[in-house]
Amino acid sequence: MFIVDIFKWLNNQLLKMDWLSNAVQKLVENVFGLDTTSQLGGSIHFFIYDVVKIFILLSFLIFTISYIQSFFPPERTRKILGRFNGITANILGALLGTITPFCSCSSIPLFIGFTSAGLPIGVTFSFLISSPLVDLASVLLLASIFNWKIALAYVFVGLVLAVIGGSIISKLKLEKYVEPFVYKNKVMEMEQEALSTHDRLIFSRDQVLDIIKKVWLYILIGVGIGAAIHNWIPESIISAVLGQDKWYSVPLATIVGVPMYADIFGTLPIAEALVLKGVGIGTALAFMMAVTALSLPSMIMLKKVVKTRLLVTFAGIVTTGILIIGFLFNAFAYLFI
């Protein structure tokens, strides 16, 4: 029991950052003179707390992940993946995607590199699905916003979707539907220059700055939308449209998510606000997964490197997977309380 209490305390202080929530509450009440239980005060508290928390966690996690990544450059990763085939290679491709904290558009250049280097397209698609959908940072951020059960279950189903999706594409033998220039863009065999600890630290710092520059606006927009949903839109309206008793809530959330473009860090605050308003966890996760894996901009970019049949197959597999995952999470929501 003592160990459990220590874990809960660490979880609340390091991930949920209760200390930060209390500090922001004092700021809003004592400096701004607003009651945090009011709509305006609650919105300001939600916005400041979530923005600061996400940036703190994101910076730490990207730095740590990037330091690990510095030991596995693309050429070395390609060689490792090239030693395996079948579902084992798909599993490794999906796992590789979990340590690349990029959005779907950022993952496409690596997809081109892996495919041109001779890796099976099924493996590269496993990577392409998991990279924007699941990463190590999302595990801790999901745990900080929801709980560890939801975080681990989300990562598990995301990896399963990536492995199954890549395996199906492999079985369908759709290599001829990759644009010819991808195969012609051959990579050069180069020995990776040894990096010193200082070099790795500089690389990790630069990765933090680069990714923060790319996502900061989406985080602010996502948190702003989340604050509006949480404090200004009545629960009755949200429940009427996306309530847990509505069978169409998961498909609707998936459809709404597709035209948007953000990464998981920008969509998490929106998912958090939806769940707090009574929306099913499966519905919220379906929205989040659709935004990160099926966004219209990423589909447009992917269309530049694959032909329509492969693009439609990819989108169909991912959409079906998201719908199944959403329905399952809603049906077994009691397991995650």
Protein backbone atom coordinates (compact mmCIF):
# COMPACT_ATOMS: atom_id res chain seq x y z
CA MET A 1 0.00 0.00 0.00
CA PHE A 2 2.88 2.36 0.81
CA ILE A 3 4.42 1.77 -2.64
CA VAL A 4 1.05 2.41 -4.32
CA ASP A 5 0.66 5.66 -2.39
CA ILE A 6 4.15 6.78 -3.42
CA PHE A 7 3.38 5.98 -7.08
CA LYS A 8 0.10 7.93 -6.90
CA TRP A 9 1.89 10.90 -5.34
CA LEU A 10 4.61 10.87 -8.00
CA ASN A 11 1.98 10.47 -10.74
CA ASN A 12 -0.02 13.42 -9.42
CA GLN A 13 2.99 15.68 -8.91
CA LEU A 14 5.16 14.78 -11.92
CA LEU A 15 2.57 13.91 -14.58
CA LYS A 16 -0.69 15.53 -13.58
CA MET A 17 1.31 18.37 -11.97
CA ASP A 18 -1.15 19.11 -9.18
CA TRP A 19 1.36 21.67 -7.86
CA LEU A 20 1.06 23.57 -11.14
CA SER A 21 -2.74 23.44 -11.05
CA ASN A 22 -2.71 24.89 -7.53
CA ALA A 23 -0.20 27.60 -8.56
CA VAL A 24 -2.30 28.60 -11.58
CA GLN A 25 -5.42 28.66 -9.41
CA LYS A 26 -3.74 31.13 -7.05
CA LEU A 27 -2.59 33.19 -10.04
CA VAL A 28 -6.09 33.39 -11.49
CA GLU A 29 -7.75 34.15 -8.16
CA ASN A 30 -5.19 36.49 -6.56
CA VAL A 31 -3.70 38.26 -9.59
CA PHE A 32 -6.59 38.24 -12.08
CA GLY A 33 -9.24 38.43 -9.35
CA LEU A 34 -11.36 35.71 -10.93
CA ASP A 35 -13.14 32.73 -9.41
CA THR A 36 -11.85 29.51 -11.02
CA THR A 37 -15.33 28.01 -10.70
CA SER A 38 -16.72 30.71 -13.02
CA GLN A 39 -16.74 30.29 -16.80
CA LEU A 40 -14.08 32.91 -17.48
CA GLY A 41 -11.88 32.01 -14.52
CA GLY A 42 -12.19 28.30 -15.25
CA SER A 43 -11.29 28.84 -18.90
CA ILE A 44 -8.19 30.87 -18.03
CA HIS A 45 -7.13 28.26 -15.46
CA PHE A 46 -7.65 25.41 -17.95
CA PHE A 47 -5.71 27.26 -20.66
CA ILE A 48 -2.67 28.31 -18.61
CA TYR A 49 -2.41 25.01 -16.72
CA ASP A 50 -2.69 22.78 -19.79
CA VAL A 51 -0.36 24.89 -21.95
CA VAL A 52 2.41 25.02 -19.33
CA LYS A 53 2.01 21.35 -18.42
CA ILE A 54 2.12 20.15 -22.03
CA PHE A 55 5.17 22.26 -22.87
CA ILE A 56 7.06 21.08 -19.79
CA LEU A 57 6.32 17.41 -20.43
CA LEU A 58 6.82 17.73 -24.17
CA SER A 59 10.23 19.38 -23.84
CA PHE A 60 11.49 16.79 -21.38
CA LEU A 61 10.15 13.86 -23.37
CA ILE A 62 11.39 15.04 -26.77
CA PHE A 63 14.84 15.67 -25.32
CA THR A 64 14.97 12.18 -23.82
CA ILE A 65 13.58 10.47 -26.93
CA SER A 66 15.89 12.43 -29.23
CA TYR A 67 18.92 11.42 -27.19
CA ILE A 68 17.90 7.78 -27.65
CA GLN A 69 17.26 8.40 -31.34
CA SER A 70 20.79 9.71 -31.80
CA PHE A 71 22.01 6.12 -31.46
CA PHE A 72 19.70 4.97 -34.28
CA PRO A 73 20.09 7.15 -37.40
CA PRO A 74 17.99 6.24 -40.49
CA GLU A 75 20.76 4.21 -42.12
CA ARG A 76 21.35 2.09 -39.05
CA THR A 77 17.60 1.70 -38.54
CA ARG A 78 17.19 0.57 -42.16
CA LYS A 79 19.90 -2.04 -41.72
CA ILE A 80 18.28 -3.36 -38.54
CA LEU A 81 14.83 -3.59 -40.14
CA GLY A 82 16.33 -5.16 -43.26
CA ARG A 83 17.36 -8.22 -41.27
CA PHE A 84 13.76 -9.18 -40.58
CA ASN A 85 10.72 -10.04 -42.67
CA GLY A 86 7.06 -10.91 -42.27
CA ILE A 87 5.10 -9.80 -39.23
CA THR A 88 8.29 -9.46 -37.18
CA ALA A 89 9.42 -6.67 -39.50
CA ASN A 90 5.99 -5.03 -39.24
CA ILE A 91 6.15 -5.13 -35.45
CA LEU A 92 9.62 -3.56 -35.49
CA GLY A 93 8.43 -0.92 -37.98
CA ALA A 94 5.50 -0.05 -35.71
CA LEU A 95 7.74 0.08 -32.64
CA LEU A 96 10.16 2.32 -34.51
CA GLY A 97 7.29 4.72 -35.09
CA THR A 98 6.79 5.06 -31.33
CA ILE A 99 10.20 6.69 -30.88
CA THR A 100 9.71 9.26 -33.62
CA PRO A 101 7.70 12.17 -32.16
CA PHE A 102 6.58 13.53 -35.52
CA CYS A 103 3.27 14.36 -37.15
CA SER A 104 2.09 12.36 -40.14
CA CYS A 105 3.51 14.87 -42.64
CA SER A 106 6.94 14.78 -41.00
CA SER A 107 6.93 10.97 -41.15
CA ILE A 108 6.48 10.84 -44.94
CA PRO A 109 10.11 11.75 -45.81
CA LEU A 110 11.29 8.83 -43.67
CA PHE A 111 8.71 6.64 -45.41
CA ILE A 112 10.24 7.63 -48.75
CA GLY A 113 13.74 6.92 -47.44
CA PHE A 114 12.87 3.48 -46.13
CA THR A 115 10.98 2.49 -49.27
CA SER A 116 13.74 3.71 -51.61
CA ALA A 117 16.24 1.78 -49.50
CA GLY A 118 14.43 -1.46 -50.31
CA LEU A 119 12.32 -2.09 -47.23
CA PRO A 120 8.92 -3.73 -47.94
CA ILE A 121 6.13 -1.17 -48.20
CA GLY A 122 4.14 -3.06 -45.58
CA VAL A 123 6.88 -2.35 -43.04
CA THR A 124 7.10 1.30 -44.02
CA PHE A 125 3.32 1.64 -43.71
CA SER A 126 3.42 0.11 -40.23
CA PHE A 127 5.90 2.85 -39.43
CA LEU A 128 3.77 5.50 -41.15
CA ILE A 129 0.68 4.53 -39.13
CA SER A 130 2.34 4.30 -35.72
CA SER A 131 4.62 7.34 -35.99
CA PRO A 132 1.95 10.08 -35.74
CA LEU A 133 -0.50 7.89 -33.83
CA VAL A 134 1.61 6.51 -31.00
CA ASP A 135 4.83 7.73 -29.44
CA LEU A 136 6.46 7.57 -26.04
CA ALA A 137 5.52 11.16 -25.32
CA SER A 138 1.84 10.42 -25.89
CA VAL A 139 1.93 7.66 -23.26
CA LEU A 140 2.90 10.07 -20.49
CA LEU A 141 0.68 12.87 -21.75
CA LEU A 142 -2.33 10.56 -21.92
CA ALA A 143 -1.52 9.31 -18.42
CA SER A 144 -1.22 12.89 -17.18
CA ILE A 145 -4.61 13.85 -18.61
CA PHE A 146 -6.56 10.60 -18.16
CA ASN A 147 -4.92 7.64 -16.42
CA TRP A 148 -2.38 4.88 -17.02
CA LYS A 149 -5.00 2.32 -18.07
CA ILE A 150 -6.20 4.49 -20.93
CA ALA A 151 -2.65 5.48 -21.91
CA LEU A 152 -1.35 1.92 -22.12
CA ALA A 153 -4.50 0.62 -23.83
CA TYR A 154 -4.28 3.41 -26.42
CA VAL A 155 -0.64 2.59 -27.19
CA PHE A 156 -1.41 -1.11 -27.45
CA VAL A 157 -4.32 -0.72 -29.88
CA GLY A 158 -2.36 1.85 -31.88
CA LEU A 159 0.52 -0.59 -32.33
CA VAL A 160 -1.88 -3.41 -33.21
CA LEU A 161 -3.50 -1.20 -35.86
CA ALA A 162 -0.08 -0.32 -37.31
CA VAL A 163 1.04 -3.97 -37.44
CA ILE A 164 -2.23 -5.24 -38.93
CA GLY A 165 -2.42 -2.36 -41.41
CA GLY A 166 1.13 -2.91 -42.63
CA SER A 167 0.62 -6.67 -42.81
CA ILE A 168 -2.54 -6.30 -44.93
CA ILE A 169 -0.75 -3.96 -47.33
CA SER A 170 2.10 -6.48 -47.57
CA LYS A 171 -0.31 -9.32 -48.38
CA LEU A 172 -2.05 -7.26 -51.06
CA LYS A 173 1.30 -6.71 -52.83
CA LEU A 174 0.68 -3.08 -53.70
CA GLU A 175 4.30 -2.16 -54.45
CA LYS A 176 3.41 -1.14 -58.02
CA TYR A 177 1.18 1.61 -56.63
CA VAL A 178 4.12 3.50 -55.15
CA GLU A 179 5.24 6.32 -57.44
CA PRO A 180 8.31 5.25 -59.51
CA PHE A 181 10.49 8.15 -58.39
CA VAL A 182 10.44 6.79 -54.81
CA TYR A 183 12.27 3.63 -55.89
CA LYS A 184 14.73 5.63 -58.01
CA ASN A 185 15.66 7.84 -55.08
CA LYS A 186 18.38 5.47 -53.88
CA VAL A 187 20.11 6.17 -50.60
CA MET A 188 23.88 6.15 -50.27
CA GLU A 189 25.57 3.65 -48.02
CA MET A 190 27.42 5.76 -45.47
CA GLU A 191 29.04 4.97 -42.19
CA GLN A 192 27.45 6.89 -39.36
CA GLU A 193 29.92 9.27 -37.80
CA ALA A 194 30.39 8.59 -34.09
CA LEU A 195 28.76 11.23 -31.94
CA SER A 196 30.11 12.39 -28.62
CA THR A 197 27.89 12.86 -25.59
CA HIS A 198 28.08 16.61 -26.16
CA ASP A 199 26.97 16.15 -29.78
CA ARG A 200 24.01 14.03 -28.68
CA LEU A 201 22.96 16.63 -26.11
CA ILE A 202 23.15 19.38 -28.74
CA PHE A 203 21.14 17.23 -31.16
CA SER A 204 18.49 16.59 -28.48
CA ARG A 205 18.26 20.28 -27.62
CA ASP A 206 17.89 21.21 -31.29
CA GLN A 207 15.17 18.58 -31.72
CA VAL A 208 13.23 20.08 -28.81
CA LEU A 209 13.45 23.56 -30.29
CA ASP A 210 12.59 22.35 -33.79
CA ILE A 211 9.53 20.36 -32.75
CA ILE A 212 8.29 23.03 -30.34
CA LYS A 213 8.49 25.56 -33.19
CA LYS A 214 6.34 23.26 -35.33
CA VAL A 215 3.67 22.40 -32.78
CA TRP A 216 3.33 25.37 -30.42
CA LEU A 217 0.53 27.00 -32.40
CA TYR A 218 -1.46 23.73 -32.63
CA ILE A 219 -1.08 23.25 -28.87
CA LEU A 220 -2.37 26.76 -28.15
CA ILE A 221 -5.31 26.26 -30.54
CA GLY A 222 -6.07 22.81 -29.12
CA VAL A 223 -5.97 24.01 -25.52
CA GLY A 224 -8.07 27.04 -26.45
CA ILE A 225 -10.73 24.84 -28.03
CA GLY A 226 -10.57 22.52 -25.03
CA ALA A 227 -11.05 25.45 -22.62
CA ALA A 228 -14.06 26.66 -24.62
CA ILE A 229 -15.63 23.20 -24.68
CA HIS A 230 -14.96 22.65 -20.98
CA ASN A 231 -16.32 25.94 -19.68
CA TRP A 232 -18.62 27.50 -22.28
CA ILE A 233 -20.46 24.78 -24.18
CA PRO A 234 -23.24 23.20 -22.09
CA GLU A 235 -22.86 19.50 -21.37
CA SER A 236 -26.40 18.89 -22.61
CA ILE A 237 -25.48 20.09 -26.12
CA ILE A 238 -22.34 17.97 -26.33
CA SER A 239 -24.14 14.92 -24.93
CA ALA A 240 -26.94 15.37 -27.44
CA VAL A 241 -24.45 15.16 -30.31
CA LEU A 242 -21.62 12.96 -29.01
CA GLY A 243 -23.10 11.30 -25.91
CA GLN A 244 -22.06 7.75 -25.02
CA ASP A 245 -25.56 6.54 -25.90
CA LYS A 246 -25.25 7.76 -29.50
CA TRP A 247 -24.14 4.93 -31.79
CA TYR A 248 -22.99 7.39 -34.45
CA SER A 249 -20.71 9.36 -32.11
CA VAL A 250 -17.56 7.43 -33.09
CA PRO A 251 -18.06 7.73 -36.89
CA LEU A 252 -19.01 11.40 -36.50
CA ALA A 253 -15.92 12.17 -34.41
CA THR A 254 -13.75 10.40 -36.99
CA ILE A 255 -15.27 12.36 -39.88
CA VAL A 256 -14.89 15.67 -38.02
CA GLY A 257 -11.24 14.90 -37.27
CA VAL A 258 -10.12 14.21 -40.85
CA PRO A 259 -10.21 17.81 -42.24
CA MET A 260 -8.20 19.08 -39.27
CA TYR A 261 -4.42 19.12 -39.05
CA ALA A 262 -2.59 18.86 -35.73
CA ASP A 263 -0.49 16.38 -33.85
CA ILE A 264 -1.42 14.38 -30.79
CA PHE A 265 -0.25 17.14 -28.47
CA GLY A 266 -2.72 19.61 -29.90
CA THR A 267 -5.66 17.21 -29.89
CA LEU A 268 -5.22 15.87 -26.35
CA PRO A 269 -6.69 18.96 -24.63
CA ILE A 270 -9.75 18.75 -26.88
CA ALA A 271 -10.18 15.05 -26.08
CA GLU A 272 -9.80 15.86 -22.39
CA ALA A 273 -12.52 18.51 -22.51
CA LEU A 274 -14.87 16.21 -24.43
CA VAL A 275 -14.49 13.40 -21.90
CA LEU A 276 -15.06 15.81 -19.00
CA LYS A 277 -18.31 16.80 -20.71
CA GLY A 278 -19.55 13.21 -20.83
CA VAL A 279 -18.34 12.13 -24.27
CA GLY A 280 -17.27 8.48 -24.42
CA ILE A 281 -13.55 7.84 -24.18
CA GLY A 282 -13.72 5.85 -27.42
CA THR A 283 -15.34 8.78 -29.22
CA ALA A 284 -12.70 11.20 -27.96
CA LEU A 285 -9.85 8.85 -28.92
CA ALA A 286 -11.38 8.25 -32.37
CA PHE A 287 -11.38 12.00 -32.97
CA MET A 288 -7.79 12.26 -31.77
CA MET A 289 -6.61 9.36 -33.94
CA ALA A 290 -8.40 10.68 -37.04
CA VAL A 291 -6.75 14.08 -36.68
CA THR A 292 -3.27 12.64 -36.22
CA ALA A 293 -3.36 9.73 -38.70
CA LEU A 294 -5.87 10.76 -41.38
CA SER A 295 -5.59 14.53 -41.58
CA LEU A 296 -6.33 15.95 -45.03
CA PRO A 297 -2.90 17.64 -45.40
CA SER A 298 -1.07 14.38 -44.69
CA MET A 299 -3.28 12.54 -47.21
CA ILE A 300 -2.46 15.18 -49.83
CA MET A 301 1.27 14.76 -49.14
CA LEU A 302 1.02 10.97 -49.24
CA LYS A 303 -0.77 11.20 -52.59
CA LYS A 304 2.45 12.68 -53.99
CA VAL A 305 4.32 9.41 -53.32
CA VAL A 306 1.66 6.71 -53.77
CA LYS A 307 -1.09 6.12 -56.31
CA THR A 308 -4.79 6.37 -55.60
CA ARG A 309 -5.44 2.66 -55.01
CA LEU A 310 -2.76 2.41 -52.33
CA LEU A 311 -3.84 5.67 -50.73
CA VAL A 312 -7.48 4.53 -50.57
CA THR A 313 -6.43 1.14 -49.18
CA PHE A 314 -4.30 2.82 -46.50
CA ALA A 315 -7.07 5.28 -45.54
CA GLY A 316 -9.67 2.49 -45.50
CA ILE A 317 -7.59 0.26 -43.23
CA VAL A 318 -6.81 3.07 -40.79
CA THR A 319 -10.40 4.37 -40.75
CA THR A 320 -11.79 0.89 -40.10
CA GLY A 321 -9.26 0.39 -37.33
CA ILE A 322 -10.12 3.72 -35.70
CA LEU A 323 -13.85 2.94 -35.77
CA ILE A 324 -13.32 -0.50 -34.21
CA ILE A 325 -11.03 0.95 -31.53
CA GLY A 326 -13.52 3.73 -30.75
CA PHE A 327 -16.46 1.33 -30.41
CA LEU A 328 -14.41 -1.05 -28.24
CA PHE A 329 -13.26 1.72 -25.89
CA ASN A 330 -16.84 2.95 -25.49
CA ALA A 331 -18.18 -0.57 -24.94
CA PHE A 332 -15.59 -1.37 -22.28
CA ALA A 333 -15.23 2.10 -20.79
CA TYR A 334 -15.89 0.70 -17.29
CA LEU A 335 -12.52 -1.06 -17.42
CA PHE A 336 -10.68 2.28 -17.59
CA ILE A 337 -12.35 4.08 -14.70
